[in-house]
Amino acid sequence: MKRNRRYKPGEVAPSSGIYRVEHELHGLMHEATLLKQNLFPRCRECGDGVRFRLLRSVDGRHLLPFRSSTILEEFQASPSIPSMKAAS
C-alpha cells in the first residue's frame, strides 16, 4: 500500500489509520480516522469530489468507528451499483 495513493468515496480503506482529507470543490483540508475495510465517506458539500491519503497507520483496536459529521457522511452505495465492501 502506497502512502501517496489517493482514495475516493466508496473505496475500501486498506488499513486503519489517520487520513488527510482533501476537498476539491471548496479546498477544505482536514484529517479523519478510518477503520480498515470501511468505505471512504462522501463530502456533504462536494459529494464524490473528496480524496483521502493515508498519513499514519494505527492499530484499529484503538480507534472509534467513523461517524457522519457536518463535513463528511457515510458512503451509501446506489442499489444498482454493488458496494465495494460487499464485493470483498
N, C-alpha and C. Protein backbone atom coordinates (compact mmCIF):
# COMPACT_ATOMS: atom_id res chain seq x y z
N MET A 1 0.85 -1.18 0.00
CA MET A 1 0.00 0.00 0.00
C MET A 1 0.89 1.24 0.00
N LYS A 2 0.64 2.14 -0.91
CA LYS A 2 1.45 3.35 -1.02
C LYS A 2 0.82 4.47 -0.22
N ARG A 3 1.65 5.19 0.53
CA ARG A 3 1.15 6.29 1.34
C ARG A 3 0.68 7.47 0.48
N ASN A 4 1.20 7.59 -0.72
CA ASN A 4 0.81 8.72 -1.58
C ASN A 4 -0.45 8.44 -2.38
N ARG A 5 -0.96 7.24 -2.32
CA ARG A 5 -2.17 6.91 -3.07
C ARG A 5 -3.35 7.70 -2.53
N ARG A 6 -4.17 8.18 -3.44
CA ARG A 6 -5.38 8.91 -3.05
C ARG A 6 -6.58 8.01 -3.27
N TYR A 7 -7.47 7.97 -2.27
CA TYR A 7 -8.66 7.12 -2.31
C TYR A 7 -9.90 7.97 -2.50
N LYS A 8 -10.91 7.39 -3.17
CA LYS A 8 -12.16 8.08 -3.47
C LYS A 8 -13.28 7.55 -2.58
N PRO A 9 -14.36 8.33 -2.42
CA PRO A 9 -15.52 7.84 -1.67
C PRO A 9 -16.01 6.52 -2.25
N GLY A 10 -16.34 5.58 -1.37
CA GLY A 10 -16.84 4.29 -1.79
C GLY A 10 -15.77 3.23 -1.91
N GLU A 11 -14.49 3.63 -1.98
CA GLU A 11 -13.41 2.64 -1.98
C GLU A 11 -13.22 2.12 -0.56
N VAL A 12 -12.64 0.94 -0.44
CA VAL A 12 -12.43 0.31 0.86
C VAL A 12 -11.09 0.78 1.44
N ALA A 13 -11.13 1.20 2.71
CA ALA A 13 -9.90 1.63 3.39
C ALA A 13 -8.97 0.42 3.54
N PRO A 14 -7.73 0.53 3.05
CA PRO A 14 -6.81 -0.60 3.09
C PRO A 14 -6.24 -0.87 4.48
N SER A 15 -6.25 0.15 5.35
CA SER A 15 -5.75 -0.04 6.71
C SER A 15 -6.40 0.98 7.63
N SER A 16 -6.43 0.63 8.91
CA SER A 16 -6.92 1.58 9.91
C SER A 16 -5.87 2.66 10.06
N GLY A 17 -6.32 3.91 10.16
CA GLY A 17 -5.34 4.96 10.31
C GLY A 17 -5.93 6.36 10.24
N ILE A 18 -5.01 7.29 10.21
CA ILE A 18 -5.36 8.71 10.10
C ILE A 18 -5.14 9.10 8.65
N TYR A 19 -6.18 9.64 8.04
CA TYR A 19 -6.14 10.02 6.62
C TYR A 19 -6.30 11.53 6.47
N ARG A 20 -5.50 12.11 5.57
CA ARG A 20 -5.70 13.52 5.21
C ARG A 20 -6.86 13.55 4.25
N VAL A 21 -7.78 14.48 4.47
CA VAL A 21 -8.97 14.63 3.64
C VAL A 21 -8.81 15.90 2.82
N GLU A 22 -8.88 15.79 1.50
CA GLU A 22 -8.72 16.94 0.60
C GLU A 22 -9.98 17.10 -0.23
N HIS A 23 -10.61 18.25 -0.11
CA HIS A 23 -11.86 18.55 -0.83
C HIS A 23 -11.53 19.36 -2.08
N GLU A 24 -11.98 18.88 -3.24
CA GLU A 24 -11.68 19.56 -4.50
C GLU A 24 -12.50 20.83 -4.69
N LEU A 25 -13.75 20.81 -4.30
CA LEU A 25 -14.64 21.94 -4.57
C LEU A 25 -14.35 23.16 -3.70
N HIS A 26 -14.28 22.96 -2.41
CA HIS A 26 -14.14 24.10 -1.51
C HIS A 26 -12.78 24.19 -0.84
N GLY A 27 -11.85 23.29 -1.17
CA GLY A 27 -10.47 23.39 -0.72
C GLY A 27 -10.22 23.11 0.75
N LEU A 28 -11.21 22.67 1.48
CA LEU A 28 -11.03 22.37 2.90
C LEU A 28 -10.11 21.17 3.04
N MET A 29 -9.18 21.23 3.99
CA MET A 29 -8.29 20.12 4.24
C MET A 29 -8.33 19.83 5.74
N HIS A 30 -8.49 18.56 6.09
CA HIS A 30 -8.51 18.15 7.50
C HIS A 30 -8.13 16.69 7.57
N GLU A 31 -8.23 16.10 8.75
CA GLU A 31 -7.89 14.70 8.92
C GLU A 31 -9.08 13.93 9.48
N ALA A 32 -9.12 12.63 9.18
CA ALA A 32 -10.18 11.75 9.68
C ALA A 32 -9.56 10.40 10.01
N THR A 33 -10.10 9.74 11.01
CA THR A 33 -9.66 8.38 11.33
C THR A 33 -10.66 7.40 10.74
N LEU A 34 -10.15 6.39 10.08
CA LEU A 34 -11.00 5.38 9.45
C LEU A 34 -10.48 3.99 9.79
N LEU A 35 -11.39 3.05 9.93
CA LEU A 35 -11.04 1.67 10.20
C LEU A 35 -10.86 0.89 8.92
N LYS A 36 -9.95 -0.07 8.94
CA LYS A 36 -9.70 -0.96 7.81
C LYS A 36 -11.02 -1.60 7.37
N GLN A 37 -11.21 -1.72 6.08
CA GLN A 37 -12.38 -2.33 5.43
C GLN A 37 -13.63 -1.45 5.44
N ASN A 38 -13.59 -0.26 6.06
CA ASN A 38 -14.72 0.66 5.97
C ASN A 38 -14.65 1.39 4.63
N LEU A 39 -15.78 1.86 4.16
CA LEU A 39 -15.80 2.63 2.92
C LEU A 39 -15.44 4.08 3.20
N PHE A 40 -14.65 4.66 2.29
CA PHE A 40 -14.33 6.08 2.42
C PHE A 40 -15.62 6.88 2.24
N PRO A 41 -15.85 7.89 3.08
CA PRO A 41 -17.11 8.65 3.04
C PRO A 41 -17.13 9.71 1.94
N ARG A 42 -18.32 10.27 1.74
CA ARG A 42 -18.52 11.40 0.82
C ARG A 42 -18.50 12.71 1.61
N CYS A 43 -18.31 13.80 0.88
CA CYS A 43 -18.42 15.13 1.47
C CYS A 43 -19.86 15.60 1.32
N ARG A 44 -20.39 16.22 2.35
CA ARG A 44 -21.77 16.73 2.29
C ARG A 44 -21.89 17.87 1.28
N GLU A 45 -20.79 18.58 1.02
CA GLU A 45 -20.85 19.72 0.09
C GLU A 45 -20.40 19.35 -1.32
N CYS A 46 -19.27 18.66 -1.45
CA CYS A 46 -18.75 18.38 -2.80
C CYS A 46 -18.92 16.92 -3.22
N GLY A 47 -19.70 16.15 -2.46
CA GLY A 47 -20.04 14.78 -2.85
C GLY A 47 -18.83 13.89 -3.01
N ASP A 48 -18.64 13.38 -4.24
CA ASP A 48 -17.52 12.49 -4.51
C ASP A 48 -16.23 13.25 -4.85
N GLY A 49 -16.26 14.57 -4.76
CA GLY A 49 -15.09 15.39 -5.06
C GLY A 49 -14.18 15.54 -3.86
N VAL A 50 -13.97 14.46 -3.14
CA VAL A 50 -13.09 14.47 -1.97
C VAL A 50 -12.15 13.27 -2.10
N ARG A 51 -10.91 13.44 -1.65
CA ARG A 51 -9.92 12.37 -1.73
C ARG A 51 -9.27 12.19 -0.36
N PHE A 52 -8.76 10.98 -0.13
CA PHE A 52 -8.17 10.60 1.15
C PHE A 52 -6.78 10.05 0.91
N ARG A 53 -5.84 10.46 1.77
CA ARG A 53 -4.46 9.98 1.68
C ARG A 53 -4.02 9.53 3.07
N LEU A 54 -3.50 8.31 3.17
CA LEU A 54 -3.08 7.77 4.45
C LEU A 54 -1.88 8.54 4.98
N LEU A 55 -2.02 9.08 6.20
CA LEU A 55 -0.90 9.75 6.85
C LEU A 55 -0.16 8.81 7.77
N ARG A 56 -0.94 8.01 8.54
CA ARG A 56 -0.32 7.12 9.51
C ARG A 56 -1.25 5.95 9.81
N SER A 57 -0.72 4.75 9.68
CA SER A 57 -1.48 3.56 10.07
C SER A 57 -1.48 3.46 11.59
N VAL A 58 -2.59 3.02 12.13
CA VAL A 58 -2.69 2.81 13.59
C VAL A 58 -3.45 1.52 13.85
N ASP A 59 -3.29 1.00 15.04
CA ASP A 59 -3.98 -0.21 15.46
C ASP A 59 -5.47 0.10 15.56
N GLY A 60 -6.29 -0.58 14.75
CA GLY A 60 -7.72 -0.33 14.72
C GLY A 60 -8.43 -0.55 16.03
N ARG A 61 -7.83 -1.31 16.94
CA ARG A 61 -8.46 -1.54 18.25
C ARG A 61 -8.51 -0.28 19.08
N HIS A 62 -7.72 0.73 18.70
CA HIS A 62 -7.66 1.97 19.47
C HIS A 62 -8.39 3.13 18.79
N LEU A 63 -9.18 2.82 17.78
CA LEU A 63 -9.92 3.85 17.05
C LEU A 63 -11.41 3.67 17.24
N LEU A 64 -12.11 4.78 17.26
CA LEU A 64 -13.57 4.74 17.23
C LEU A 64 -14.00 4.65 15.78
N PRO A 65 -15.08 3.94 15.48
CA PRO A 65 -15.55 3.86 14.09
C PRO A 65 -15.96 5.23 13.56
N PHE A 66 -15.84 5.40 12.24
CA PHE A 66 -16.24 6.66 11.60
C PHE A 66 -17.72 6.92 11.82
N ARG A 67 -18.05 8.18 12.09
CA ARG A 67 -19.45 8.61 12.17
C ARG A 67 -19.61 9.85 11.30
N SER A 68 -20.75 9.98 10.67
CA SER A 68 -21.02 11.15 9.85
C SER A 68 -20.86 12.41 10.70
N SER A 69 -20.44 13.48 10.04
CA SER A 69 -20.22 14.76 10.72
C SER A 69 -20.83 15.87 9.88
N THR A 70 -20.54 17.11 10.27
CA THR A 70 -21.05 18.24 9.49
C THR A 70 -20.39 18.32 8.12
N ILE A 71 -19.23 17.67 7.96
CA ILE A 71 -18.50 17.74 6.69
C ILE A 71 -18.62 16.45 5.89
N LEU A 72 -18.40 15.29 6.53
CA LEU A 72 -18.39 14.01 5.83
C LEU A 72 -19.60 13.17 6.22
N GLU A 73 -20.09 12.37 5.27
CA GLU A 73 -21.20 11.46 5.54
C GLU A 73 -20.84 10.08 5.03
N GLU A 74 -21.39 9.05 5.66
CA GLU A 74 -21.09 7.68 5.25
C GLU A 74 -21.46 7.48 3.79
N PHE A 75 -20.66 6.68 3.11
CA PHE A 75 -20.91 6.36 1.71
C PHE A 75 -22.08 5.37 1.64
N GLN A 76 -23.07 5.69 0.85
CA GLN A 76 -24.22 4.81 0.64
C GLN A 76 -24.21 4.38 -0.82
N ALA A 77 -23.96 3.11 -1.05
CA ALA A 77 -23.93 2.61 -2.43
C ALA A 77 -25.32 2.66 -3.02
N SER A 78 -25.38 2.99 -4.28
CA SER A 78 -26.64 3.00 -5.01
C SER A 78 -27.13 1.56 -5.15
N PRO A 79 -28.45 1.30 -5.11
CA PRO A 79 -28.95 -0.07 -5.25
C PRO A 79 -28.51 -0.74 -6.54
N SER A 80 -28.27 0.04 -7.60
CA SER A 80 -27.87 -0.54 -8.88
C SER A 80 -26.36 -0.80 -8.95
N ILE A 81 -25.60 -0.22 -8.02
CA ILE A 81 -24.15 -0.41 -8.00
C ILE A 81 -23.79 -1.13 -6.72
N PRO A 82 -23.27 -2.34 -6.80
CA PRO A 82 -22.94 -3.06 -5.56
C PRO A 82 -21.83 -2.37 -4.79
N SER A 83 -21.92 -2.41 -3.49
CA SER A 83 -20.91 -1.82 -2.62
C SER A 83 -19.58 -2.55 -2.79
N MET A 84 -18.49 -1.80 -2.82
CA MET A 84 -17.18 -2.41 -2.94
C MET A 84 -16.88 -3.23 -1.69
N LYS A 85 -17.40 -2.81 -0.54
CA LYS A 85 -17.18 -3.55 0.70
C LYS A 85 -17.84 -4.92 0.60
N ALA A 86 -19.01 -4.99 0.02
CA ALA A 86 -19.73 -6.25 -0.12
C ALA A 86 -19.01 -7.17 -1.09
N ALA A 87 -18.31 -6.61 -2.06
CA ALA A 87 -17.64 -7.40 -3.07
C ALA A 87 -16.37 -8.05 -2.54
N SER A 88 -15.83 -7.55 -1.42
CA SER A 88 -14.57 -8.13 -0.91
C SER A 88 -14.79 -9.28 0.01
